[in-house]
Protein backbone atom coordinates (compact mmCIF):
# COMPACT_ATOMS: atom_id res chain seq x y z
CA MET A 1 -14.82 -12.57 12.08
CA ASN A 2 -16.75 -11.46 8.98
CA PRO A 3 -14.17 -10.56 6.28
CA LEU A 4 -16.38 -7.82 4.82
CA LEU A 5 -16.59 -6.19 8.23
CA ILE A 6 -12.83 -6.58 8.65
CA GLY A 7 -12.23 -4.89 5.29
CA VAL A 8 -14.41 -1.91 6.14
CA SER A 9 -12.71 -1.68 9.54
CA LEU A 10 -9.28 -1.71 7.91
CA PHE A 11 -10.35 1.06 5.55
CA ALA A 12 -11.77 3.13 8.42
CA THR A 13 -8.55 2.70 10.39
CA LEU A 14 -6.30 3.78 7.52
CA LEU A 15 -8.63 6.59 6.38
CA SER A 16 -8.51 8.68 9.58
CA THR A 17 -9.16 12.38 9.96
CA ILE A 18 -5.92 13.02 8.06
CA SER A 19 -7.35 11.62 4.82
CA TYR A 20 -10.81 13.02 5.51
CA LEU A 21 -9.40 16.57 5.42
CA SER A 22 -6.37 16.14 3.16
CA ILE A 23 -8.17 14.64 0.13
CA PRO A 24 -10.66 17.54 -0.28
CA GLY A 25 -7.84 20.01 0.43
CA GLU A 26 -5.55 18.45 -2.17
CA ALA A 27 -8.35 18.36 -4.77
CA ALA A 28 -9.38 21.97 -4.18
CA GLY A 29 -5.93 23.53 -3.80
CA LYS A 30 -3.58 21.51 -6.00
CA GLY A 31 -5.60 19.63 -8.62
CA PRO A 32 -7.20 16.26 -9.43
CA ILE A 33 -4.16 14.16 -10.39
CA ASN A 34 -3.78 12.63 -6.93
CA MET A 35 -7.09 10.85 -7.58
CA THR A 36 -5.30 8.62 -10.12
CA ALA A 37 -3.78 6.77 -7.15
CA MET A 38 -6.85 4.53 -7.35
CA LEU A 39 -5.58 3.14 -10.64
CA ALA A 40 -2.94 1.29 -8.62
CA LEU A 41 -5.50 -0.65 -6.57
CA PRO A 42 -6.02 -3.62 -8.96
CA LEU A 43 -2.28 -4.29 -9.01
CA VAL A 44 -2.16 -3.82 -5.24
CA TYR A 45 -4.90 -6.44 -4.83
CA LEU A 46 -3.04 -8.97 -6.96
CA THR A 47 0.28 -8.34 -5.23
CA VAL A 48 -1.01 -8.36 -1.67
CA GLY A 49 -3.77 -10.93 -2.14
CA TYR A 50 -1.79 -13.60 -3.98
CA LEU A 51 1.82 -12.90 -3.01
CA LEU A 52 1.81 -11.57 0.56
CA LEU A 53 -1.35 -12.86 2.23
CA PRO A 54 -0.76 -16.61 1.59
CA VAL A 55 2.63 -16.28 3.29
CA TYR A 56 1.29 -14.30 6.23
CA MET A 57 -1.81 -16.43 6.79
CA ARG A 58 0.36 -19.53 7.23
CA GLN A 59 1.93 -17.80 10.22
CA LYS A 60 -0.60 -17.58 13.06
CA VAL A 61 1.21 -14.98 15.13
CA THR A 62 0.06 -12.18 17.42
CA SER A 63 2.65 -9.77 16.08
CA ALA A 64 3.84 -9.63 12.49
CA TYR A 65 7.36 -8.98 13.74
CA GLU A 66 7.67 -12.51 15.11
CA LEU A 67 8.30 -13.48 11.49
CA LEU A 68 11.41 -11.30 11.41
CA GLU A 69 13.04 -13.15 14.30
CA ASP A 70 12.41 -16.55 12.70
CA ARG A 71 14.36 -15.51 9.59
CA LEU A 72 16.75 -12.73 10.67
CA GLY A 73 17.13 -12.92 14.44
CA LEU A 74 16.00 -11.02 17.50
CA GLY A 75 17.79 -7.77 16.63
CA ILE A 76 15.89 -7.30 13.35
CA ARG A 77 12.61 -8.17 15.09
CA LEU A 78 13.19 -5.47 17.71
CA LEU A 79 14.22 -3.02 14.98
CA GLY A 80 11.03 -3.63 13.02
CA ALA A 81 8.84 -3.44 16.11
CA SER A 82 10.52 -0.22 17.26
CA MET A 83 10.02 1.40 13.86
CA PHE A 84 6.37 0.41 13.92
CA LEU A 85 5.90 1.98 17.35
CA LEU A 86 7.51 5.20 16.12
CA LEU A 87 5.40 5.22 12.95
CA ARG A 88 2.13 4.73 14.84
CA LEU A 89 3.00 7.40 17.41
CA VAL A 90 3.82 9.92 14.67
CA TRP A 91 0.63 8.94 12.83
CA MET A 92 -1.53 9.51 15.89
CA SER A 93 0.26 12.78 16.68
CA LEU A 94 -0.47 14.09 13.20
CA LEU A 95 -4.11 13.04 13.11
CA ILE A 96 -4.86 14.60 16.51
CA TYR A 97 -3.09 17.79 15.44
CA VAL A 98 -5.08 17.89 12.18
CA ALA A 99 -8.37 17.29 14.00
CA ALA A 100 -7.61 19.93 16.63
CA LYS A 101 -6.59 22.48 14.01
CA ALA A 102 -9.81 21.81 12.09
CA VAL A 103 -11.82 22.56 15.22
CA THR A 104 -10.02 25.89 15.69
CA VAL A 105 -10.91 26.81 12.10
CA MET A 106 -14.55 25.92 12.80
CA LEU A 107 -14.55 27.97 15.99
CA GLY A 108 -12.80 30.86 14.28
CA ILE A 109 -10.39 31.30 17.19
CA ASP A 110 -6.80 30.33 17.91
CA TYR A 111 -6.63 31.22 21.61
CA TRP A 112 -8.90 31.27 24.62
CA ILE A 113 -8.42 34.19 27.00
CA LEU A 114 -9.20 33.53 30.66
CA HIS A 115 -10.06 36.78 32.47
CA TYR A 116 -9.35 35.80 36.06
CA GLY A 117 -9.91 39.35 37.30
CA ALA A 118 -13.22 39.97 35.52
CA ALA A 119 -16.62 39.59 37.16
CA ASP A 120 -18.91 39.50 34.11
CA GLN A 121 -17.02 37.55 31.42
CA TRP A 122 -14.31 35.09 32.33
CA ILE A 123 -13.48 33.54 28.93
CA THR A 124 -13.33 34.85 25.35
CA GLY A 125 -11.81 33.63 22.10
CA VAL A 126 -9.39 35.42 19.79
CA SER A 127 -8.25 34.68 16.25
CA GLN A 128 -4.56 35.48 16.42
CA LYS A 129 -1.44 33.43 15.77
CA ILE A 130 0.95 33.40 18.73
CA ASP A 131 4.03 31.20 19.05
CA TRP A 132 3.55 30.09 22.66
CA ILE A 133 1.08 27.52 23.98
CA ILE A 134 0.30 29.67 27.02
CA GLN A 135 0.98 33.34 27.80
CA PHE A 136 0.33 35.40 30.92
CA HIS A 137 -0.84 39.00 30.75
CA GLU A 138 -2.16 41.33 33.39
CA GLY A 139 -5.49 39.85 34.51
CA GLU A 140 -5.48 37.37 31.61
CA ILE A 141 -4.17 33.95 30.64
CA TRP A 142 -3.94 33.18 26.90
CA ILE A 143 -4.23 29.45 26.15
CA SER A 144 -3.76 27.94 22.67
CA CYS A 145 -6.82 26.01 21.50
CA VAL A 146 -4.98 23.25 19.64
CA PRO A 147 -3.17 21.64 22.64
CA VAL A 148 -6.36 21.73 24.74
CA ILE A 149 -8.37 20.02 22.00
CA VAL A 150 -5.52 17.53 21.50
CA LEU A 151 -5.60 16.64 25.20
CA PHE A 152 -9.38 16.20 25.18
CA THR A 153 -9.40 14.11 22.00
CA GLY A 154 -6.57 11.88 23.16
CA PHE A 155 -8.16 11.33 26.57
CA VAL A 156 -11.55 10.36 25.14
CA ALA A 157 -9.98 8.08 22.54
CA LEU A 158 -7.84 6.22 25.07
CA ILE A 159 -10.82 5.66 27.39
CA TYR A 160 -12.87 4.52 24.38
CA THR A 161 -10.13 2.08 23.35
CA THR A 162 -10.09 0.19 26.64
CA LEU A 163 -13.78 -0.74 26.48
CA GLY A 164 -13.97 -3.69 24.13
CA GLY A 165 -10.81 -4.86 22.38
CA LEU A 166 -10.51 -5.55 18.67
CA ARG A 167 -14.06 -6.85 18.11
CA ALA A 168 -15.62 -3.68 19.53
CA VAL A 169 -13.21 -1.60 17.45
CA VAL A 170 -14.17 -3.44 14.24
CA ILE A 171 -17.91 -2.99 14.83
CA THR A 172 -17.65 0.71 15.68
CA ASP A 173 -15.35 1.22 12.66
CA PHE A 174 -18.19 0.06 10.42
CA MET A 175 -20.58 2.65 11.89
CA GLN A 176 -17.96 5.40 11.72
CA THR A 177 -17.31 4.75 8.03
CA ALA A 178 -21.02 5.17 7.30
CA LEU A 179 -20.98 8.42 9.25
CA LEU A 180 -17.93 9.69 7.34
CA PHE A 181 -19.48 8.88 3.99
CA GLY A 182 -22.80 10.47 4.94
CA GLY A 183 -21.11 13.67 6.08
CA ALA A 184 -19.24 14.01 2.79
CA LEU A 185 -22.42 13.42 0.78
CA LEU A 186 -24.22 16.15 2.71
CA VAL A 187 -21.58 18.69 1.70
CA ILE A 188 -21.99 17.78 -1.99
CA VAL A 189 -25.78 17.98 -1.74
CA HIS A 190 -25.62 21.36 0.01
CA VAL A 191 -23.33 22.92 -2.61
CA THR A 192 -25.43 21.46 -5.44
CA LEU A 193 -28.60 22.95 -3.98
CA ASP A 194 -26.85 26.28 -3.42
CA ARG A 195 -25.81 26.40 -7.08
CA CYS A 196 -29.08 24.87 -8.37
CA GLY A 197 -27.13 22.23 -10.23
CA LEU A 198 -23.66 20.85 -10.90
CA GLN A 199 -22.15 24.06 -12.28
CA TRP A 200 -19.56 23.88 -9.50
CA PHE A 201 -17.89 20.81 -11.04
CA PRO A 202 -14.65 21.91 -12.78
CA THR A 203 -14.57 21.39 -16.54
CA THR A 204 -11.31 23.29 -17.13
CA TRP A 205 -7.99 23.48 -15.29
CA GLU A 206 -8.46 25.90 -12.39
CA ALA A 207 -6.15 28.90 -12.01
CA ASN A 208 -5.09 27.93 -8.47
CA TRP A 209 -4.13 24.36 -9.40
CA ASP A 210 -0.51 23.28 -9.85
CA THR A 211 0.92 22.05 -13.12
CA GLN A 212 0.57 18.27 -12.82
CA PRO A 213 2.12 16.49 -15.81
CA LEU A 214 1.76 12.86 -16.81
CA PHE A 215 5.41 12.20 -15.95
CA SER A 216 8.59 14.14 -15.28
CA TRP A 217 12.18 13.27 -14.45
CA ASP A 218 12.53 16.62 -12.65
CA PRO A 219 12.50 15.73 -8.92
CA ARG A 220 11.25 19.25 -8.08
CA VAL A 221 7.89 18.65 -9.78
CA ARG A 222 5.55 18.21 -6.84
CA ILE A 223 3.23 15.58 -8.31
CA THR A 224 2.78 13.65 -11.56
CA MET A 225 0.26 11.05 -12.66
CA VAL A 226 2.82 8.23 -12.96
CA GLY A 227 4.42 9.25 -9.67
CA THR A 228 1.03 9.17 -7.96
CA ILE A 229 0.22 5.66 -9.18
CA VAL A 230 3.66 4.29 -8.27
CA ASN A 231 3.64 6.02 -4.89
CA ALA A 232 0.18 4.62 -4.10
CA PHE A 233 1.19 1.10 -5.13
CA VAL A 234 4.32 1.16 -2.97
CA TRP A 235 2.48 2.60 0.03
CA TYR A 236 -0.47 0.16 -0.09
CA VAL A 237 1.74 -2.90 -0.49
CA ALA A 238 4.18 -1.75 2.19
CA THR A 239 1.35 -0.99 4.60
CA ALA A 240 -0.36 -4.34 4.02
CA GLY A 241 2.91 -6.24 4.38
CA GLY A 242 4.64 -4.43 7.23
CA ASP A 243 2.10 -2.58 9.36
CA GLN A 244 0.83 -4.41 12.45
CA THR A 245 -2.46 -2.47 12.18
CA SER A 246 -3.16 -4.13 8.82
CA VAL A 247 -1.69 -7.52 9.68
CA GLN A 248 -3.77 -7.63 12.87
CA ARG A 249 -6.95 -7.23 10.80
CA PHE A 250 -5.96 -9.87 8.23
CA MET A 251 -5.03 -12.34 10.98
CA ALA A 252 -8.57 -11.99 12.36
CA THR A 253 -9.94 -13.71 9.22
CA ARG A 254 -10.21 -17.48 8.72
CA ASP A 255 -7.82 -18.10 5.81
CA ALA A 256 -6.11 -16.46 2.81
CA ARG A 257 -9.33 -16.47 0.80
CA SER A 258 -11.18 -14.63 3.56
CA ALA A 259 -8.26 -12.23 3.92
CA ARG A 260 -8.46 -11.47 0.18
CA LEU A 261 -12.18 -10.83 0.56
CA ALA A 262 -11.41 -8.40 3.39
CA LEU A 263 -8.76 -6.71 1.23
CA GLY A 264 -11.16 -6.45 -1.70
CA SER A 265 -13.92 -4.95 0.42
CA GLN A 266 -11.45 -2.46 1.86
CA MET A 267 -10.46 -1.33 -1.63
CA CYS A 268 -14.05 -1.06 -2.86
CA VAL A 269 -14.94 1.16 0.08
CA ASN A 270 -11.69 3.04 -0.50
CA VAL A 271 -12.66 3.89 -4.08
CA LEU A 272 -16.22 4.84 -3.13
CA VAL A 273 -15.27 7.14 -0.25
CA GLY A 274 -12.11 8.41 -1.96
CA VAL A 275 -13.97 9.55 -5.08
CA THR A 276 -16.61 11.13 -2.86
CA LEU A 277 -13.99 13.11 -0.93
CA TYR A 278 -12.38 14.32 -4.16
CA ILE A 279 -15.79 15.48 -5.34
CA VAL A 280 -16.19 17.25 -1.99
CA GLY A 281 -12.96 19.10 -2.77
CA PHE A 282 -14.27 20.15 -6.19
CA ALA A 283 -17.56 21.26 -4.60
CA LEU A 284 -15.74 23.35 -2.00
CA LEU A 285 -13.58 24.95 -4.69
CA GLY A 286 -16.64 25.83 -6.77
CA PHE A 287 -18.49 27.24 -3.76
CA PHE A 288 -15.69 29.47 -2.48
CA ARG A 289 -14.65 30.51 -5.99
CA ASP A 290 -18.17 31.83 -6.58
CA HIS A 291 -18.47 33.22 -3.03
CA PRO A 292 -15.05 34.78 -2.28
CA GLU A 293 -16.64 36.88 0.45
CA HIS A 294 -16.89 33.71 2.56
CA LEU A 295 -13.16 32.97 2.42
CA ALA A 296 -12.45 35.38 5.31
CA GLY A 297 -8.81 35.84 4.34
CA LEU A 298 -8.16 32.26 3.23
CA ASP A 299 -6.38 31.57 -0.05
CA LEU A 300 -7.80 28.92 -2.39
CA LYS A 301 -4.34 27.57 -3.15
CA HIS A 302 -2.42 27.77 0.12
CA ASP A 303 -5.25 27.37 2.64
CA ALA A 304 -7.27 24.71 0.82
CA ASP A 305 -6.95 22.28 3.75
CA ASP A 306 -9.05 24.69 5.84
CA LEU A 307 -11.89 25.08 3.33
CA PHE A 308 -13.72 21.93 4.45
CA SER A 309 -13.62 22.99 8.11
CA ARG A 310 -14.75 26.54 7.35
CA PHE A 311 -17.60 25.30 5.18
CA ILE A 312 -18.77 22.93 7.90
CA ALA A 313 -18.77 25.68 10.51
CA ASN A 314 -20.41 28.45 8.50
CA HIS A 315 -22.51 26.99 5.69
CA LEU A 316 -24.20 23.86 7.00
CA GLY A 317 -27.19 23.82 9.32
CA PRO A 318 -26.64 23.11 13.04
CA GLY A 319 -27.72 19.49 12.81
CA VAL A 320 -25.83 18.80 9.60
CA SER A 321 -22.62 20.46 10.77
CA GLY A 322 -22.81 18.44 13.98
CA LEU A 323 -23.05 15.24 11.94
CA VAL A 324 -19.97 16.09 9.88
CA VAL A 325 -17.97 17.13 12.95
CA ALA A 326 -18.99 13.84 14.55
CA ALA A 327 -17.73 12.02 11.45
CA MET A 328 -14.36 13.76 11.68
CA PHE A 329 -13.88 12.86 15.32
CA ALA A 330 -15.22 9.36 14.68
CA ALA A 331 -12.36 8.92 12.22
CA ALA A 332 -9.91 10.19 14.84
CA MET A 333 -11.32 7.82 17.45
CA SER A 334 -11.11 4.88 15.04
CA SER A 335 -7.50 5.61 14.18
CA ILE A 336 -6.38 6.16 17.76
CA ASP A 337 -8.08 3.08 19.16
CA SER A 338 -6.62 0.92 16.40
CA GLY A 339 -3.20 2.47 16.93
CA VAL A 340 -3.30 1.87 20.68
CA ASN A 341 -4.45 -1.74 20.23
CA SER A 342 -1.66 -2.41 17.73
CA ILE A 343 1.00 -0.72 19.87
CA THR A 344 -0.15 -2.69 22.92
CA ALA A 345 0.00 -5.95 20.97
CA VAL A 346 3.51 -5.22 19.68
CA VAL A 347 4.85 -4.08 23.07
CA SER A 348 3.35 -7.15 24.76
CA SER A 349 4.53 -9.65 22.14
CA ASP A 350 7.81 -8.24 20.84
CA PHE A 351 9.25 -6.67 23.98
CA LEU A 352 7.62 -7.81 27.25
CA GLY A 353 6.46 -11.26 26.16
CA ARG A 354 9.65 -12.02 24.24
CA PHE A 355 11.76 -11.52 27.37
CA GLY A 356 9.28 -13.04 29.81
CA TRP A 357 8.29 -9.75 31.44
CA GLN A 358 4.53 -10.21 31.11
CA PRO A 359 2.45 -9.64 34.28
CA ARG A 360 1.06 -12.92 35.59
CA SER A 361 -2.06 -11.56 37.27
CA GLU A 362 -5.10 -9.96 35.67
CA ARG A 363 -4.57 -6.90 37.84
CA GLY A 364 -1.02 -6.61 36.55
CA GLN A 365 -2.25 -6.83 32.96
CA THR A 366 -4.74 -4.04 33.65
CA ARG A 367 -2.06 -1.82 35.15
CA LEU A 368 0.22 -2.53 32.21
CA SER A 369 -2.50 -1.54 29.74
CA GLN A 370 -3.22 1.63 31.69
CA GLY A 371 0.46 2.51 31.83
CA LEU A 372 0.88 1.94 28.10
CA ALA A 373 -2.21 4.03 27.35
CA PHE A 374 -0.91 6.87 29.51
CA GLY A 375 2.54 6.74 27.91
CA ILE A 376 1.04 6.69 24.43
CA GLY A 377 -1.22 9.62 25.26
CA VAL A 378 1.61 11.78 26.61
CA THR A 379 3.86 10.96 23.65
CA VAL A 380 1.14 11.73 21.11
CA VAL A 381 0.24 15.05 22.73
CA VAL A 382 3.89 16.14 22.86
CA GLY A 383 4.51 14.95 19.30
CA SER A 384 1.52 16.87 17.95
CA ALA A 385 3.15 20.14 19.08
CA PHE A 386 5.91 19.70 16.48
CA MET A 387 3.70 19.06 13.45
CA LYS A 388 3.22 22.75 12.68
CA PHE A 389 6.94 23.07 11.86
CA ILE A 390 6.74 20.70 8.86
CA GLU A 391 6.27 22.35 5.47
CA GLY A 392 3.42 21.59 3.08
CA ASN A 393 -0.27 20.81 3.13
CA ILE A 394 -1.69 17.79 4.96
CA THR A 395 -0.94 15.46 2.03
CA GLU A 396 2.73 16.47 1.98
CA VAL A 397 3.15 16.41 5.75
CA THR A 398 1.65 12.92 5.86
CA ASN A 399 4.12 11.63 3.29
CA LYS A 400 7.02 13.31 5.07
CA THR A 401 6.20 11.92 8.51
CA VAL A 402 3.79 9.00 8.67
CA ASN A 403 4.94 7.39 5.42
CA LEU A 404 8.65 7.92 6.05
CA LEU A 405 9.12 4.59 7.85
CA THR A 406 6.51 2.57 5.94
CA THR A 407 8.85 1.23 3.27
CA PRO A 408 11.88 0.70 5.59
CA ILE A 409 9.65 -1.54 7.74
CA PHE A 410 8.31 -3.41 4.72
CA ALA A 411 11.84 -3.93 3.40
CA LEU A 412 12.64 -5.98 6.51
CA PHE A 413 9.79 -8.35 5.61
CA CYS A 414 10.98 -8.55 1.99
CA PHE A 415 14.39 -9.69 3.21
CA ALA A 416 12.90 -12.11 5.74
CA LEU A 417 10.29 -13.75 3.52
CA PHE A 418 11.44 -13.43 -0.08
CA ILE A 419 15.23 -12.91 -0.29
CA ARG A 420 16.80 -16.26 0.54
CA PHE A 421 20.40 -15.06 0.91
CA SER A 422 19.73 -12.09 3.21
CA ARG A 423 21.84 -11.77 6.36
CA PRO A 424 21.02 -9.70 9.48
CA LEU A 425 24.02 -7.39 9.11
CA GLY A 426 23.28 -6.86 5.42
CA VAL A 427 19.64 -6.11 6.22
CA LEU A 428 20.79 -3.56 8.80
CA VAL A 429 23.04 -1.88 6.22
CA GLY A 430 20.12 -1.70 3.80
CA TRP A 431 17.85 -0.28 6.50
CA ILE A 432 20.34 2.46 7.38
CA CYS A 433 20.79 3.46 3.73
CA GLY A 434 17.09 3.28 2.86
CA THR A 435 15.91 5.17 5.94
CA SER A 436 18.56 7.85 5.42
CA VAL A 437 17.41 8.36 1.84
CA ALA A 438 13.77 8.54 2.97
CA ALA A 439 14.60 11.15 5.62
CA PHE A 440 16.69 13.23 3.21
CA ILE A 441 13.97 13.30 0.55
CA ALA A 442 11.16 13.92 3.04
CA PHE A 443 13.00 16.87 4.57
CA SER A 444 15.00 17.87 1.50
CA SER A 445 14.31 21.58 2.03
CA SER A 446 15.63 21.54 5.60
CA SER A 447 18.56 19.36 4.54
CA ILE A 448 19.56 21.74 1.74
CA ILE A 449 19.22 24.78 4.02
CA PHE A 450 21.43 23.10 6.62
CA LEU A 451 24.05 22.05 4.07
CA ALA A 452 24.05 25.52 2.50
CA GLY A 453 25.53 26.88 5.73
CA TRP A 454 28.60 24.74 5.09
CA PHE A 455 28.56 24.49 1.30
CA PRO A 456 26.93 27.56 -0.37
CA SER A 457 26.79 25.84 -3.76
CA VAL A 458 24.45 23.05 -2.58
CA PRO A 459 21.15 24.86 -3.37
CA GLY A 460 22.30 25.53 -6.93
CA PHE A 461 23.28 21.89 -7.37
CA PHE A 462 19.68 20.89 -6.58
CA GLY A 463 18.23 23.67 -8.77
CA VAL A 464 16.72 25.76 -5.98
CA GLU A 465 17.28 29.13 -4.31
CA LEU A 466 16.94 30.13 -0.66
CA ILE A 467 14.29 32.69 0.26
CA THR A 468 12.85 34.06 3.49
CA ILE A 469 9.11 33.61 4.02
CA TYR A 470 6.74 34.47 6.86
CA ASP A 471 4.79 31.68 8.49
CA PRO A 472 1.92 32.96 10.67
CA GLU A 473 2.51 30.19 13.21
CA ILE A 474 6.31 30.18 13.55
CA GLY A 475 7.41 33.56 12.12
CA GLU A 476 10.16 34.13 9.52
CA VAL A 477 11.83 31.00 8.17
CA LEU A 478 14.22 30.08 5.38
CA ALA A 479 12.74 28.03 2.54
CA THR A 480 13.79 26.61 -0.81
CA ALA A 481 12.19 27.95 -3.99
CA ILE A 482 12.35 27.61 -7.77
CA ALA A 483 11.72 30.14 -10.51
CA GLU A 484 8.40 29.68 -12.31
CA ILE A 485 6.71 31.73 -15.03
CA ASP A 486 3.24 33.01 -14.18
CA PRO A 487 0.99 31.84 -17.07
CA GLU A 488 -1.17 34.97 -16.74
CA THR A 489 1.57 37.62 -16.64
CA GLY A 490 4.48 35.79 -18.26
CA ILE A 491 6.74 37.08 -15.47
CA SER A 492 9.18 34.76 -13.72
CA HIS A 493 8.94 34.66 -9.91
CA LEU A 494 10.18 32.46 -7.08
CA VAL A 495 7.77 29.83 -5.78
CA GLN A 496 8.38 27.87 -2.59
CA ARG A 497 9.14 24.29 -3.60
CA ALA A 498 11.06 21.36 -2.16
CA PRO A 499 14.15 20.30 -4.17
CA ILE A 500 12.84 16.71 -4.20
CA SER A 501 9.13 15.85 -4.29
CA PHE A 502 7.58 13.81 -1.48
CA GLN A 503 6.41 11.31 -4.11
CA TRP A 504 9.95 9.93 -4.34
CA VAL A 505 10.14 9.02 -0.63
CA GLY A 506 8.64 5.53 -0.76
CA LEU A 507 10.04 4.27 -4.07
CA ALA A 508 13.57 5.62 -3.58
CA SER A 509 13.76 4.39 0.00
CA LEU A 510 12.56 0.88 -0.86
CA ALA A 511 14.86 0.59 -3.89
CA VAL A 512 17.95 1.79 -2.01
CA ASN A 513 17.08 -0.42 0.96
CA LEU A 514 16.67 -3.61 -1.07
CA VAL A 515 19.65 -2.99 -3.35
CA THR A 516 22.17 -2.03 -0.67
CA GLY A 517 20.89 -4.70 1.72
CA SER A 518 21.14 -7.38 -0.96
CA ILE A 519 24.65 -6.33 -1.99
CA ALA A 520 25.79 -6.24 1.62
CA SER A 521 24.27 -9.68 2.26
CA LEU A 522 25.99 -11.14 -0.81
CA LEU A 523 29.33 -9.73 0.32
CA ILE A 524 28.83 -11.09 3.83
CA ASN A 525 27.88 -14.51 2.45
CA ARG A 526 31.01 -14.49 0.32
CA LEU A 527 33.27 -13.54 3.22
CA TRP A 528 31.50 -15.63 5.87
CA PRO A 529 29.47 -18.41 4.20
CA PRO A 530 26.37 -19.26 6.27
CA LYS A 531 25.66 -22.65 7.71
CA ASN A 532 22.72 -24.54 6.24
CA SER A 533 20.63 -23.82 9.34
CA GLU A 534 21.11 -20.08 8.82
CA THR A 535 19.70 -20.06 5.30
CA ASN A 536 16.35 -18.33 5.02
CA ILE A 537 13.47 -20.32 3.59
CA PRO A 538 10.89 -17.80 2.36
CA GLY A 539 7.31 -18.68 3.11
CA SER A 540 8.13 -21.70 5.26
């Protein structure tokens, strides 16, 4: 298959609705430093293109996790495949939730009210946050919009996925990427015409942006430039080397050279669309800063993820807004169909096929695919209901959920392909330690709050305090906060902040995983020396 087309497809798959909304939201609400992640791409290309891809392309396998069994045994293969399934399910749950929430912002309602006793009007919408998915009142049924939209999106995506396999997915990904890019450009053009020029582009540090230093050893600092580059490098390499969605695309090329061409085209499109989406964020910030009457209660700092959706709904023409909405759902469709294809491939190869449980008839294969699609759909819909309980904007939530298992999966491949002395038990020890560290950092606020119930001094040890805040979706909750001085007033006040930034999740997890796994493997080798046949031969 054409490597350029594969690269664009890979970009479209990894972009998703999550990135399409989170990048403008991060740029508008927090600041521009996250854009420096693109500085990591040249090093990513060299690492993946010349270190990982030659090894992978020598292994013509359906599932990347077959490589784990060859080096580390069946148990590690099943562990890696299981983590991938969990990661993809969480990923799809988040992207459907984000897409559904964006639609509710565009509609301006949170609930539909069914008037089953009324003769003239049987359905209305209301903008009001209520905890329950469905509530019954006298003559009325209140139904939350988000779960309904999630169900509809998931159903359409699963039907769409079954139509044409990977080749159809790749071709439609190309068209969807063009639609995404065109929709973003239309927003920039509209704001520029509204302002009669580029006056909206920020030339000074905006008041609502966070302090984003070059580097800091303080783990409470949400984002730094160095942290952004390192985090991006770790994530891209780990995704390329351990994610079946990426490996599946690379395996569709002819050889390592073609795979590098696909990788390069993916990164070029990544830079082009990424910069465009950051500019969209700046344009949205400039527009709503100059037109605060259009915010309708939104805050430029805390509700920045909703600015794109509100602008689409209220400030673009009917045809243009329809195009952008189509682009958003095209991204969701692309991500879901790729996720379902990858999950199906892993389940078939690493679980059913490995144990000889594959259906022998074509009818059986069809029923298996339908059953998997139904199970995936139900799991994703249920999982999306829990996303609202995770703190932070879309960028933070993505790093705390979707990216939590990315490096633990990649670490398994590092042991299998590049660490000659690794042993299965040692790898398992490293995985337990690395995954535990990733989970603790990702949910450090919740972890500290839980530990504070047993050890009251824990918050102080991490340099945070506990406060009570009100969340419109889930009510009053405990949160961690730090004292910051307002630059305008000079008064110190508590600001909600995690004790450890999400940027440490990938690097800390990978480092702990590799170090503890290597030490454990060395100890095991010393106590129980392996036979020659058990020695790993990386890249063979």
